[in-house]
Amino acid sequence: MTQQYYLRARFYNPVIARFTQEDEYRGDGLNLYAYCANNPVVYYDPSGYASECLKDAYKKQREQQSQSGREDYDSQAAKKDAYENAKNQVAEQKANQPQKPKAEVPEESSNANKSYQTYTKTNPQTGEVYSGRTSGTGTPLENVRRRDVNHHINDKGFGPAELDKSSTNRDAIRGREQQLIDKFGGAKSKDGTSGNQINGISDKNKKRERYFDATDEEFGKI
């Protein structure tokens, strides 16, 4: 399968024009795999959680500019910068905002057997180690193997995914993933040497310490 795009919460496949995992938060329509309600011209989804209107994001950024700078802001170069800034802000806000209680109900009640796993994939040629997480209602090994079938780094020389830890505590697994990334050299976006391009948890994520506390309590220090 061709290169997929990692959008924080899920992976997007451009060939089939849809996400490869369902929307766990049930916040973007009845089709849990659709990208931006099948309307990528008007909407975009930088976080994998829910779509955002491009026009609204741009308008919000523009309104924050001072009156004296509006003329320069309307130049083509300024518009491009504002657009990129707006996308980044929306993505960060979406990742950090508290989730609605009803969105968490399916994880706890309707998916009583659901569990979460961390795994690693090693590139024998470069020595790089990629760390990731997954979930499902199968056994821990089944969940990891299912995730590994069409993994986006399989064609980059990385070996099969190896199960690291499993838990019913999503927070503990989120923290564990980031600790693994740090252990194996850090994200490349932070000048690191691991197989991960970006961190699993943003430095600005307000729940960052909660995730680390949960993983330390369940698995101990890495």
N, C-alpha and C. Protein backbone atom coordinates (compact mmCIF):
# COMPACT_ATOMS: atom_id res chain seq x y z
N MET A 1 0.86 -1.20 0.00
CA MET A 1 0.00 0.00 0.00
C MET A 1 0.89 1.24 0.00
N THR A 2 0.46 2.30 -0.64
CA THR A 2 1.27 3.50 -0.75
C THR A 2 1.41 4.22 0.57
N GLN A 3 2.26 5.25 0.56
CA GLN A 3 2.52 6.03 1.77
C GLN A 3 1.24 6.57 2.39
N GLN A 4 1.12 6.41 3.70
CA GLN A 4 -0.01 6.96 4.42
C GLN A 4 0.44 8.20 5.19
N TYR A 5 -0.53 8.98 5.63
CA TYR A 5 -0.22 10.21 6.35
C TYR A 5 -0.64 10.07 7.81
N TYR A 6 0.29 10.40 8.72
CA TYR A 6 0.02 10.31 10.15
C TYR A 6 -0.58 11.63 10.62
N LEU A 7 -1.86 11.63 10.99
CA LEU A 7 -2.55 12.84 11.43
C LEU A 7 -2.85 12.78 12.92
N ARG A 8 -1.84 12.54 13.71
CA ARG A 8 -1.93 12.52 15.17
C ARG A 8 -2.77 11.37 15.70
N ALA A 9 -4.06 11.41 15.48
CA ALA A 9 -4.94 10.39 16.05
C ALA A 9 -5.06 9.15 15.17
N ARG A 10 -4.98 9.35 13.83
CA ARG A 10 -5.19 8.24 12.92
C ARG A 10 -4.31 8.39 11.69
N PHE A 11 -4.28 7.33 10.87
CA PHE A 11 -3.56 7.38 9.61
C PHE A 11 -4.55 7.55 8.46
N TYR A 12 -4.18 8.40 7.50
CA TYR A 12 -5.02 8.67 6.32
C TYR A 12 -4.36 8.06 5.09
N ASN A 13 -5.14 7.31 4.31
CA ASN A 13 -4.63 6.70 3.09
C ASN A 13 -5.13 7.49 1.89
N PRO A 14 -4.24 8.14 1.12
CA PRO A 14 -4.67 8.98 0.00
C PRO A 14 -5.21 8.18 -1.19
N VAL A 15 -4.88 6.90 -1.27
CA VAL A 15 -5.35 6.09 -2.40
C VAL A 15 -6.85 5.82 -2.28
N ILE A 16 -7.28 5.42 -1.09
CA ILE A 16 -8.70 5.14 -0.88
C ILE A 16 -9.44 6.35 -0.32
N ALA A 17 -8.70 7.45 -0.09
CA ALA A 17 -9.29 8.71 0.39
C ALA A 17 -10.11 8.54 1.66
N ARG A 18 -9.54 7.87 2.62
CA ARG A 18 -10.23 7.67 3.90
C ARG A 18 -9.20 7.30 4.96
N PHE A 19 -9.65 7.38 6.23
CA PHE A 19 -8.80 6.95 7.33
C PHE A 19 -8.77 5.43 7.38
N THR A 20 -7.69 4.87 7.93
CA THR A 20 -7.59 3.42 8.05
C THR A 20 -8.06 2.92 9.40
N GLN A 21 -8.35 3.86 10.33
CA GLN A 21 -8.96 3.48 11.61
C GLN A 21 -10.23 4.30 11.80
N GLU A 22 -11.16 3.74 12.55
CA GLU A 22 -12.41 4.46 12.78
C GLU A 22 -12.20 5.62 13.75
N ASP A 23 -13.11 6.59 13.70
CA ASP A 23 -13.08 7.74 14.60
C ASP A 23 -13.59 7.31 15.97
N GLU A 24 -12.68 7.19 16.95
CA GLU A 24 -13.08 6.71 18.27
C GLU A 24 -13.96 7.71 19.00
N TYR A 25 -13.95 8.98 18.57
CA TYR A 25 -14.71 10.00 19.27
C TYR A 25 -16.09 10.26 18.64
N ARG A 26 -16.37 9.57 17.53
CA ARG A 26 -17.70 9.65 16.89
C ARG A 26 -18.15 11.09 16.68
N GLY A 27 -17.22 11.96 16.27
CA GLY A 27 -17.58 13.36 16.21
C GLY A 27 -17.72 13.94 14.82
N ASP A 28 -17.60 13.14 13.77
CA ASP A 28 -17.56 13.73 12.43
C ASP A 28 -18.50 13.06 11.44
N GLY A 29 -19.59 12.47 11.92
CA GLY A 29 -20.57 11.88 11.01
C GLY A 29 -20.74 10.39 11.26
N LEU A 30 -21.63 9.78 10.48
CA LEU A 30 -21.94 8.37 10.64
C LEU A 30 -20.84 7.47 10.10
N ASN A 31 -20.17 7.91 9.04
CA ASN A 31 -19.06 7.13 8.49
C ASN A 31 -17.81 7.41 9.31
N LEU A 32 -17.38 6.46 10.10
CA LEU A 32 -16.27 6.67 11.04
C LEU A 32 -14.90 6.63 10.36
N TYR A 33 -14.88 6.36 9.04
CA TYR A 33 -13.61 6.31 8.32
C TYR A 33 -13.46 7.48 7.32
N ALA A 34 -14.51 8.25 7.13
CA ALA A 34 -14.50 9.31 6.13
C ALA A 34 -13.56 10.44 6.53
N TYR A 35 -12.94 11.06 5.51
CA TYR A 35 -12.07 12.21 5.75
C TYR A 35 -12.85 13.49 5.47
N CYS A 36 -13.03 14.32 6.50
CA CYS A 36 -13.68 15.63 6.36
C CYS A 36 -15.06 15.53 5.74
N ALA A 37 -15.85 14.55 6.15
CA ALA A 37 -17.20 14.37 5.63
C ALA A 37 -17.21 14.28 4.11
N ASN A 38 -16.11 13.72 3.56
CA ASN A 38 -15.95 13.56 2.11
C ASN A 38 -15.98 14.90 1.37
N ASN A 39 -15.53 15.96 2.02
CA ASN A 39 -15.49 17.29 1.40
C ASN A 39 -14.17 17.98 1.72
N PRO A 40 -13.04 17.48 1.16
CA PRO A 40 -11.73 18.04 1.48
C PRO A 40 -11.46 19.41 0.87
N VAL A 41 -12.36 19.88 0.00
CA VAL A 41 -12.17 21.21 -0.59
C VAL A 41 -12.48 22.30 0.42
N VAL A 42 -13.50 22.08 1.24
CA VAL A 42 -13.93 23.08 2.22
C VAL A 42 -13.33 22.82 3.60
N TYR A 43 -13.08 21.54 3.91
CA TYR A 43 -12.61 21.20 5.26
C TYR A 43 -11.24 20.52 5.21
N TYR A 44 -10.58 20.51 6.34
CA TYR A 44 -9.36 19.74 6.50
C TYR A 44 -9.33 19.18 7.92
N ASP A 45 -8.51 18.14 8.14
CA ASP A 45 -8.48 17.48 9.44
C ASP A 45 -7.02 17.23 9.85
N PRO A 46 -6.39 18.22 10.48
CA PRO A 46 -4.97 18.07 10.83
C PRO A 46 -4.71 17.17 12.02
N SER A 47 -5.75 16.86 12.80
CA SER A 47 -5.54 16.11 14.04
C SER A 47 -6.02 14.67 13.96
N GLY A 48 -6.90 14.36 12.99
CA GLY A 48 -7.49 13.03 12.94
C GLY A 48 -8.69 12.87 13.84
N TYR A 49 -9.07 13.93 14.57
CA TYR A 49 -10.22 13.87 15.48
C TYR A 49 -11.50 14.38 14.82
N ALA A 50 -11.42 15.55 14.18
CA ALA A 50 -12.61 16.16 13.58
C ALA A 50 -12.18 17.19 12.56
N SER A 51 -13.03 17.41 11.55
CA SER A 51 -12.69 18.35 10.48
C SER A 51 -12.86 19.79 10.93
N GLU A 52 -12.14 20.68 10.28
CA GLU A 52 -12.22 22.11 10.55
C GLU A 52 -12.41 22.84 9.22
N CYS A 53 -13.15 23.94 9.27
CA CYS A 53 -13.40 24.73 8.07
C CYS A 53 -12.19 25.60 7.78
N LEU A 54 -11.62 25.49 6.58
CA LEU A 54 -10.45 26.29 6.21
C LEU A 54 -10.75 27.78 6.26
N LYS A 55 -11.92 28.15 5.78
CA LYS A 55 -12.28 29.57 5.75
C LYS A 55 -12.36 30.15 7.15
N ASP A 56 -12.97 29.40 8.09
CA ASP A 56 -13.10 29.90 9.46
C ASP A 56 -11.75 30.03 10.14
N ALA A 57 -10.87 29.07 9.89
CA ALA A 57 -9.54 29.13 10.49
C ALA A 57 -8.77 30.34 9.99
N TYR A 58 -8.89 30.62 8.69
CA TYR A 58 -8.20 31.77 8.11
C TYR A 58 -8.77 33.08 8.66
N LYS A 59 -10.11 33.17 8.74
CA LYS A 59 -10.73 34.39 9.24
C LYS A 59 -10.35 34.67 10.69
N LYS A 60 -10.28 33.60 11.48
CA LYS A 60 -9.92 33.77 12.88
C LYS A 60 -8.51 34.32 13.01
N GLN A 61 -7.60 33.81 12.21
CA GLN A 61 -6.22 34.28 12.26
C GLN A 61 -6.12 35.73 11.80
N ARG A 62 -6.88 36.09 10.78
CA ARG A 62 -6.82 37.44 10.23
C ARG A 62 -7.35 38.47 11.23
N GLU A 63 -8.41 38.08 11.97
CA GLU A 63 -9.01 39.00 12.93
C GLU A 63 -8.08 39.33 14.08
N GLN A 64 -7.07 38.49 14.29
CA GLN A 64 -6.13 38.72 15.37
C GLN A 64 -5.06 39.75 15.00
N GLN A 65 -4.99 40.10 13.74
CA GLN A 65 -3.99 41.07 13.31
C GLN A 65 -4.45 42.50 13.66
N SER A 66 -3.49 43.38 13.90
CA SER A 66 -3.80 44.77 14.20
C SER A 66 -4.33 45.47 12.96
N GLN A 67 -5.11 46.52 13.16
CA GLN A 67 -5.71 47.25 12.05
C GLN A 67 -4.63 47.81 11.13
N SER A 68 -3.52 48.27 11.72
CA SER A 68 -2.46 48.88 10.92
C SER A 68 -1.76 47.88 10.02
N GLY A 69 -1.86 46.58 10.38
CA GLY A 69 -1.16 45.59 9.58
C GLY A 69 -2.05 44.87 8.58
N ARG A 70 -3.32 45.26 8.49
CA ARG A 70 -4.25 44.57 7.59
C ARG A 70 -3.82 44.64 6.12
N GLU A 71 -3.31 45.77 5.70
CA GLU A 71 -2.97 45.91 4.28
C GLU A 71 -1.86 44.94 3.89
N ASP A 72 -0.82 44.87 4.73
CA ASP A 72 0.26 43.93 4.45
C ASP A 72 -0.21 42.49 4.60
N TYR A 73 -1.11 42.29 5.55
CA TYR A 73 -1.62 40.94 5.81
C TYR A 73 -2.33 40.36 4.60
N ASP A 74 -2.96 41.23 3.80
CA ASP A 74 -3.72 40.77 2.65
C ASP A 74 -2.86 40.45 1.44
N SER A 75 -1.57 40.65 1.55
CA SER A 75 -0.69 40.27 0.44
C SER A 75 -0.66 38.75 0.33
N GLN A 76 -0.27 38.24 -0.81
CA GLN A 76 -0.28 36.80 -1.02
C GLN A 76 0.65 36.08 -0.06
N ALA A 77 1.81 36.63 0.19
CA ALA A 77 2.76 35.99 1.10
C ALA A 77 2.21 35.92 2.51
N ALA A 78 1.60 37.01 2.96
CA ALA A 78 1.05 37.05 4.31
C ALA A 78 -0.11 36.07 4.46
N LYS A 79 -0.93 35.97 3.42
CA LYS A 79 -2.05 35.04 3.47
C LYS A 79 -1.56 33.60 3.64
N LYS A 80 -0.49 33.27 2.95
CA LYS A 80 0.04 31.91 3.06
C LYS A 80 0.53 31.63 4.47
N ASP A 81 1.24 32.59 5.06
CA ASP A 81 1.74 32.41 6.42
C ASP A 81 0.59 32.27 7.41
N ALA A 82 -0.43 33.10 7.25
CA ALA A 82 -1.58 33.06 8.16
C ALA A 82 -2.30 31.72 8.06
N TYR A 83 -2.42 31.24 6.85
CA TYR A 83 -3.08 29.95 6.63
C TYR A 83 -2.35 28.82 7.35
N GLU A 84 -1.02 28.80 7.24
CA GLU A 84 -0.23 27.77 7.90
C GLU A 84 -0.33 27.90 9.42
N ASN A 85 -0.28 29.13 9.92
CA ASN A 85 -0.39 29.34 11.36
C ASN A 85 -1.75 28.89 11.89
N ALA A 86 -2.79 29.20 11.13
CA ALA A 86 -4.13 28.81 11.54
C ALA A 86 -4.27 27.30 11.61
N LYS A 87 -3.72 26.60 10.65
CA LYS A 87 -3.78 25.15 10.65
C LYS A 87 -3.10 24.57 11.89
N ASN A 88 -1.92 25.12 12.19
CA ASN A 88 -1.17 24.62 13.34
C ASN A 88 -1.91 24.89 14.65
N GLN A 89 -2.52 26.07 14.75
CA GLN A 89 -3.25 26.41 15.97
C GLN A 89 -4.46 25.51 16.16
N VAL A 90 -5.19 25.28 15.09
CA VAL A 90 -6.38 24.44 15.18
C VAL A 90 -6.00 23.02 15.58
N ALA A 91 -4.92 22.50 14.99
CA ALA A 91 -4.48 21.15 15.30
C ALA A 91 -4.08 21.02 16.76
N GLU A 92 -3.35 22.01 17.27
CA GLU A 92 -2.91 21.96 18.66
C GLU A 92 -4.08 22.09 19.63
N GLN A 93 -5.01 22.99 19.30
CA GLN A 93 -6.17 23.17 20.17
C GLN A 93 -7.02 21.91 20.20
N LYS A 94 -7.17 21.27 19.06
CA LYS A 94 -7.98 20.05 18.99
C LYS A 94 -7.34 18.93 19.80
N ALA A 95 -6.01 18.84 19.76
CA ALA A 95 -5.31 17.79 20.48
C ALA A 95 -5.37 18.00 21.99
N ASN A 96 -5.43 19.28 22.41
CA ASN A 96 -5.37 19.60 23.84
C ASN A 96 -6.73 19.75 24.50
N GLN A 97 -7.79 19.96 23.73
CA GLN A 97 -9.08 20.27 24.33
C GLN A 97 -9.66 19.05 25.04
N PRO A 98 -10.36 19.27 26.16
CA PRO A 98 -10.97 18.14 26.89
C PRO A 98 -12.01 17.45 26.02
N GLN A 99 -12.07 16.15 26.10
CA GLN A 99 -13.03 15.41 25.30
C GLN A 99 -14.39 15.39 26.00
N LYS A 100 -15.44 15.42 25.21
CA LYS A 100 -16.79 15.38 25.77
C LYS A 100 -17.04 14.02 26.43
N PRO A 101 -17.74 14.02 27.56
CA PRO A 101 -17.98 12.76 28.27
C PRO A 101 -18.60 11.69 27.40
N LYS A 102 -19.55 12.08 26.54
CA LYS A 102 -20.23 11.07 25.74
C LYS A 102 -19.30 10.43 24.73
N ALA A 103 -18.23 11.13 24.36
CA ALA A 103 -17.29 10.57 23.41
C ALA A 103 -16.46 9.46 24.03
N GLU A 104 -16.31 9.46 25.36
CA GLU A 104 -15.51 8.45 26.02
C GLU A 104 -16.33 7.22 26.39
N VAL A 105 -17.64 7.31 26.31
CA VAL A 105 -18.50 6.20 26.70
C VAL A 105 -18.24 4.95 25.88
N PRO A 106 -18.11 5.05 24.53
CA PRO A 106 -17.89 3.84 23.75
C PRO A 106 -16.64 3.09 24.17
N GLU A 107 -15.58 3.81 24.59
CA GLU A 107 -14.35 3.15 24.98
C GLU A 107 -14.54 2.31 26.24
N GLU A 108 -15.38 2.78 27.14
CA GLU A 108 -15.50 2.12 28.42
C GLU A 108 -16.67 1.13 28.48
N SER A 109 -17.79 1.46 27.80
CA SER A 109 -18.98 0.64 27.95
C SER A 109 -19.21 -0.29 26.77
N SER A 110 -19.36 0.26 25.56
CA SER A 110 -19.70 -0.58 24.41
C SER A 110 -18.51 -1.42 23.97
N ASN A 111 -17.27 -1.01 24.29
CA ASN A 111 -16.09 -1.78 23.95
C ASN A 111 -15.42 -2.26 25.23
N ALA A 112 -16.15 -3.06 25.99
CA ALA A 112 -15.66 -3.50 27.30
C ALA A 112 -14.36 -4.29 27.19
N ASN A 113 -14.14 -4.96 26.06
CA ASN A 113 -12.95 -5.80 25.89
C ASN A 113 -11.82 -5.08 25.17
N LYS A 114 -11.97 -3.80 24.94
CA LYS A 114 -10.96 -3.07 24.20
C LYS A 114 -9.72 -2.86 25.05
N SER A 115 -8.57 -3.00 24.43
CA SER A 115 -7.30 -2.77 25.12
C SER A 115 -6.38 -1.97 24.22
N TYR A 116 -5.32 -1.44 24.80
CA TYR A 116 -4.39 -0.56 24.09
C TYR A 116 -2.97 -1.13 24.20
N GLN A 117 -2.21 -0.98 23.12
CA GLN A 117 -0.87 -1.54 23.09
C GLN A 117 0.17 -0.55 22.56
N THR A 118 1.41 -0.71 23.03
CA THR A 118 2.54 -0.04 22.40
C THR A 118 3.37 -1.12 21.71
N TYR A 119 4.07 -0.70 20.65
CA TYR A 119 4.89 -1.65 19.90
C TYR A 119 6.10 -0.92 19.33
N THR A 120 7.09 -1.67 18.88
CA THR A 120 8.27 -1.09 18.24
C THR A 120 8.54 -1.80 16.93
N LYS A 121 9.16 -1.08 16.00
CA LYS A 121 9.59 -1.63 14.71
C LYS A 121 11.03 -1.17 14.49
N THR A 122 11.92 -2.11 14.16
CA THR A 122 13.34 -1.80 14.03
C THR A 122 13.80 -1.91 12.59
N ASN A 123 14.61 -0.94 12.17
CA ASN A 123 15.23 -0.98 10.85
C ASN A 123 16.62 -1.60 11.00
N PRO A 124 16.83 -2.83 10.53
CA PRO A 124 18.12 -3.50 10.73
C PRO A 124 19.28 -2.83 10.00
N GLN A 125 18.98 -2.05 8.97
CA GLN A 125 20.04 -1.39 8.22
C GLN A 125 20.54 -0.13 8.92
N THR A 126 19.61 0.67 9.43
CA THR A 126 19.98 1.94 10.05
C THR A 126 20.04 1.88 11.57
N GLY A 127 19.41 0.85 12.15
CA GLY A 127 19.36 0.76 13.60
C GLY A 127 18.26 1.60 14.22
N GLU A 128 17.50 2.33 13.40
CA GLU A 128 16.43 3.17 13.92
C GLU A 128 15.30 2.31 14.48
N VAL A 129 14.68 2.81 15.54
CA VAL A 129 13.55 2.12 16.15
C VAL A 129 12.34 3.04 16.13
N TYR A 130 11.26 2.56 15.53
CA TYR A 130 10.00 3.30 15.49
C TYR A 130 9.11 2.79 16.61
N SER A 131 8.49 3.71 17.34
CA SER A 131 7.57 3.35 18.43
C SER A 131 6.16 3.83 18.10
N GLY A 132 5.18 2.99 18.36
CA GLY A 132 3.80 3.38 18.05
C GLY A 132 2.83 2.76 19.05
N ARG A 133 1.56 3.04 18.85
CA ARG A 133 0.52 2.47 19.70
C ARG A 133 -0.68 2.09 18.84
N THR A 134 -1.47 1.18 19.34
CA THR A 134 -2.66 0.74 18.64
C THR A 134 -3.69 0.27 19.67
N SER A 135 -4.82 -0.19 19.20
CA SER A 135 -5.86 -0.67 20.11
C SER A 135 -6.79 -1.60 19.35
N GLY A 136 -7.63 -2.30 20.10
CA GLY A 136 -8.58 -3.19 19.47
C GLY A 136 -9.23 -4.10 20.50
N THR A 137 -10.12 -4.96 20.02
CA THR A 137 -10.83 -5.87 20.91
C THR A 137 -10.28 -7.29 20.84
N GLY A 138 -9.21 -7.48 20.06
CA GLY A 138 -8.58 -8.78 20.00
C GLY A 138 -7.56 -8.93 21.12
N THR A 139 -6.74 -9.97 21.03
CA THR A 139 -5.65 -10.10 21.99
C THR A 139 -4.62 -9.03 21.68
N PRO A 140 -3.73 -8.73 22.63
CA PRO A 140 -2.69 -7.73 22.35
C PRO A 140 -1.89 -8.03 21.09
N LEU A 141 -1.50 -9.29 20.91
CA LEU A 141 -0.73 -9.65 19.72
C LEU A 141 -1.56 -9.49 18.44
N GLU A 142 -2.83 -9.85 18.51
CA GLU A 142 -3.70 -9.70 17.34
C GLU A 142 -3.84 -8.23 16.96
N ASN A 143 -4.01 -7.37 17.95
CA ASN A 143 -4.15 -5.94 17.67
C ASN A 143 -2.89 -5.38 17.01
N VAL A 144 -1.73 -5.78 17.51
CA VAL A 144 -0.47 -5.29 16.94
C VAL A 144 -0.26 -5.83 15.54
N ARG A 145 -0.54 -7.10 15.32
CA ARG A 145 -0.36 -7.69 13.99
C ARG A 145 -1.30 -7.06 12.97
N ARG A 146 -2.53 -6.78 13.40
CA ARG A 146 -3.49 -6.14 12.50
C ARG A 146 -3.01 -4.73 12.12
N ARG A 147 -2.48 -4.02 13.09
CA ARG A 147 -1.95 -2.68 12.82
C ARG A 147 -0.76 -2.73 11.88
N ASP A 148 0.02 -3.80 11.95
CA ASP A 148 1.28 -3.88 11.21
C ASP A 148 1.10 -4.26 9.74
N VAL A 149 -0.08 -4.78 9.39
CA VAL A 149 -0.29 -5.29 8.03
C VAL A 149 0.01 -4.24 6.97
N ASN A 150 -0.53 -3.05 7.12
CA ASN A 150 -0.32 -1.99 6.12
C ASN A 150 0.37 -0.78 6.74
N HIS A 151 1.33 -1.05 7.60
CA HIS A 151 2.02 0.05 8.30
C HIS A 151 2.74 0.95 7.31
N HIS A 152 2.70 2.27 7.58
CA HIS A 152 3.25 3.23 6.62
C HIS A 152 4.77 3.20 6.52
N ILE A 153 5.47 2.53 7.44
CA ILE A 153 6.93 2.47 7.33
C ILE A 153 7.43 1.09 6.93
N ASN A 154 6.54 0.20 6.55
CA ASN A 154 6.96 -1.14 6.12
C ASN A 154 7.86 -1.07 4.89
N ASP A 155 7.59 -0.10 4.01
CA ASP A 155 8.38 -0.01 2.78
C ASP A 155 9.65 0.81 2.97
N LYS A 156 9.97 1.14 4.21
CA LYS A 156 11.20 1.90 4.49
C LYS A 156 12.26 1.05 5.18
N GLY A 157 12.07 -0.26 5.13
CA GLY A 157 13.09 -1.15 5.67
C GLY A 157 12.89 -1.57 7.11
N PHE A 158 11.77 -1.21 7.72
CA PHE A 158 11.52 -1.57 9.11
C PHE A 158 10.94 -2.98 9.20
N GLY A 159 11.37 -3.71 10.21
CA GLY A 159 10.91 -5.07 10.42
C GLY A 159 9.52 -5.13 11.03
N PRO A 160 9.04 -6.33 11.36
CA PRO A 160 7.70 -6.49 11.92
C PRO A 160 7.55 -5.84 13.28
N ALA A 161 6.34 -5.44 13.59
CA ALA A 161 6.06 -4.80 14.88
C ALA A 161 6.17 -5.82 16.01
N GLU A 162 6.79 -5.40 17.10
CA GLU A 162 6.93 -6.25 18.28
C GLU A 162 6.16 -5.63 19.44
N LEU A 163 5.32 -6.42 20.07
CA LEU A 163 4.52 -5.95 21.20
C LEU A 163 5.42 -5.49 22.34
N ASP A 164 5.12 -4.31 22.89
CA ASP A 164 5.87 -3.78 24.03
C ASP A 164 5.03 -3.95 25.30
N LYS A 165 3.96 -3.17 25.44
CA LYS A 165 3.10 -3.23 26.61
C LYS A 165 1.64 -3.22 26.19
N SER A 166 0.78 -3.73 27.07
CA SER A 166 -0.67 -3.74 26.82
C SER A 166 -1.38 -3.30 28.09
N SER A 167 -2.49 -2.57 27.91
CA SER A 167 -3.25 -2.07 29.06
C SER A 167 -4.65 -1.69 28.62
N THR A 168 -5.55 -1.64 29.59
CA THR A 168 -6.89 -1.10 29.32
C THR A 168 -6.92 0.39 29.62
N ASN A 169 -5.80 0.94 30.07
CA ASN A 169 -5.67 2.36 30.39
C ASN A 169 -5.05 3.09 29.21
N ARG A 170 -5.87 3.82 28.46
CA ARG A 170 -5.39 4.53 27.27
C ARG A 170 -4.32 5.55 27.63
N ASP A 171 -4.49 6.25 28.75
CA ASP A 171 -3.52 7.27 29.14
C ASP A 171 -2.14 6.67 29.37
N ALA A 172 -2.10 5.49 30.00
CA ALA A 172 -0.82 4.84 30.26
C ALA A 172 -0.11 4.48 28.97
N ILE A 173 -0.86 4.03 27.97
CA ILE A 173 -0.26 3.66 26.69
C ILE A 173 0.21 4.89 25.93
N ARG A 174 -0.53 5.98 26.01
CA ARG A 174 -0.10 7.22 25.36
C ARG A 174 1.23 7.69 25.94
N GLY A 175 1.33 7.67 27.26
CA GLY A 175 2.57 8.07 27.89
C GLY A 175 3.72 7.13 27.56
N ARG A 176 3.43 5.84 27.50
CA ARG A 176 4.45 4.84 27.18
C ARG A 176 5.00 5.05 25.77
N GLU A 177 4.13 5.35 24.82
CA GLU A 177 4.58 5.58 23.45
C GLU A 177 5.61 6.71 23.40
N GLN A 178 5.30 7.83 24.07
CA GLN A 178 6.22 8.95 24.05
C GLN A 178 7.54 8.61 24.75
N GLN A 179 7.46 7.86 25.84
CA GLN A 179 8.69 7.47 26.54
C GLN A 179 9.56 6.57 25.67
N LEU A 180 8.94 5.71 24.87
CA LEU A 180 9.70 4.86 23.95
C LEU A 180 10.38 5.71 22.88
N ILE A 181 9.65 6.69 22.35
CA ILE A 181 10.25 7.58 21.34
C ILE A 181 11.47 8.27 21.92
N ASP A 182 11.35 8.77 23.15
CA ASP A 182 12.48 9.44 23.80
C ASP A 182 13.63 8.46 24.05
N LYS A 183 13.29 7.25 24.48
CA LYS A 183 14.31 6.24 24.78
C LYS A 183 15.16 5.92 23.56
N PHE A 184 14.53 5.84 22.40
CA PHE A 184 15.24 5.43 21.20
C PHE A 184 15.78 6.61 20.38
N GLY A 185 15.92 7.76 21.02
CA GLY A 185 16.62 8.88 20.37
C GLY A 185 15.81 10.13 20.13
N GLY A 186 14.50 10.08 20.33
CA GLY A 186 13.68 11.27 20.13
C GLY A 186 13.20 11.43 18.70
N ALA A 187 12.15 12.23 18.54
CA ALA A 187 11.54 12.46 17.22
C ALA A 187 12.48 13.24 16.31
N LYS A 188 12.44 12.94 15.02
CA LYS A 188 13.31 13.63 14.07
C LYS A 188 12.95 15.10 13.93
N SER A 189 11.69 15.45 14.17
CA SER A 189 11.29 16.86 14.11
C SER A 189 11.95 17.66 15.22
N LYS A 190 12.47 16.97 16.24
CA LYS A 190 13.19 17.59 17.35
C LYS A 190 14.69 17.28 17.26
N ASP A 191 15.14 16.98 16.03
CA ASP A 191 16.54 16.62 15.78
C ASP A 191 16.93 15.31 16.46
N GLY A 192 15.96 14.42 16.63
CA GLY A 192 16.22 13.14 17.25
C GLY A 192 16.67 12.09 16.24
N THR A 193 16.92 10.88 16.72
CA THR A 193 17.46 9.82 15.88
C THR A 193 16.60 8.56 15.85
N SER A 194 15.40 8.63 16.41
CA SER A 194 14.53 7.45 16.38
C SER A 194 13.89 7.32 14.99
N GLY A 195 13.05 6.31 14.83
CA GLY A 195 12.36 6.14 13.55
C GLY A 195 11.10 6.97 13.45
N ASN A 196 10.76 7.73 14.48
CA ASN A 196 9.55 8.55 14.50
C ASN A 196 9.83 9.96 13.99
N GLN A 197 8.98 10.43 13.08
CA GLN A 197 9.13 11.78 12.56
C GLN A 197 8.71 12.83 13.59
N ILE A 198 7.64 12.55 14.34
CA ILE A 198 7.12 13.51 15.31
C ILE A 198 6.86 12.82 16.64
N ASN A 199 6.70 13.60 17.69
CA ASN A 199 6.39 13.06 19.01
C ASN A 199 4.96 12.54 19.06
N GLY A 200 4.72 11.57 19.91
CA GLY A 200 3.37 11.08 20.13
C GLY A 200 2.55 12.05 20.95
N ILE A 201 3.21 12.82 21.81
CA ILE A 201 2.55 13.82 22.65
C ILE A 201 3.27 15.15 22.45
N SER A 202 2.54 16.16 22.06
CA SER A 202 3.13 17.48 21.86
C SER A 202 3.64 18.05 23.17
N ASP A 203 4.70 18.85 23.09
CA ASP A 203 5.23 19.52 24.28
C ASP A 203 4.18 20.45 24.90
N LYS A 204 3.23 20.91 24.09
CA LYS A 204 2.22 21.85 24.56
C LYS A 204 0.92 21.16 25.00
N ASN A 205 0.89 19.86 24.91
CA ASN A 205 -0.32 19.12 25.30
C ASN A 205 -0.55 19.25 26.80
N LYS A 206 -1.70 19.77 27.19
CA LYS A 206 -2.00 20.01 28.59
C LYS A 206 -2.14 18.71 29.40
N LYS A 207 -2.36 17.60 28.71
CA LYS A 207 -2.50 16.32 29.40
C LYS A 207 -1.18 15.54 29.45
N ARG A 208 -0.11 16.16 29.01
CA ARG A 208 1.18 15.49 28.91
C ARG A 208 1.60 14.82 30.23
N GLU A 209 1.58 15.58 31.32
CA GLU A 209 2.01 15.04 32.61
C GLU A 209 1.06 13.94 33.09
N ARG A 210 -0.22 14.07 32.78
CA ARG A 210 -1.18 13.04 33.17
C ARG A 210 -0.85 11.71 32.50
N TYR A 211 -0.48 11.78 31.22
CA TYR A 211 -0.10 10.56 30.50
C TYR A 211 1.14 9.92 31.11
N PHE A 212 2.13 10.75 31.43
CA PHE A 212 3.37 10.22 32.00
C PHE A 212 3.14 9.64 33.40
N ASP A 213 2.31 10.30 34.20
CA ASP A 213 2.00 9.78 35.53
C ASP A 213 1.31 8.42 35.43
N ALA A 214 0.41 8.30 34.45
CA ALA A 214 -0.33 7.04 34.28
C ALA A 214 0.59 5.90 33.88
N THR A 215 1.52 6.18 32.96
CA THR A 215 2.42 5.11 32.52
C THR A 215 3.44 4.74 33.58
N ASP A 216 3.90 5.74 34.35
CA ASP A 216 4.83 5.44 35.45
C ASP A 216 4.17 4.58 36.51
N GLU A 217 2.90 4.88 36.79
CA GLU A 217 2.18 4.12 37.81
C GLU A 217 1.93 2.68 37.37
N GLU A 218 1.65 2.50 36.07
CA GLU A 218 1.31 1.16 35.60
C GLU A 218 2.52 0.32 35.22
N PHE A 219 3.52 0.95 34.58
CA PHE A 219 4.67 0.20 34.07
C PHE A 219 5.99 0.51 34.78
N GLY A 220 6.02 1.58 35.56
CA GLY A 220 7.27 2.00 36.17
C GLY A 220 8.08 2.85 35.20
N LYS A 221 9.20 3.37 35.67
CA LYS A 221 10.07 4.19 34.82
C LYS A 221 10.68 3.34 33.72
N ILE A 222 10.76 3.89 32.54
CA ILE A 222 11.29 3.15 31.40
C ILE A 222 12.81 3.11 31.42
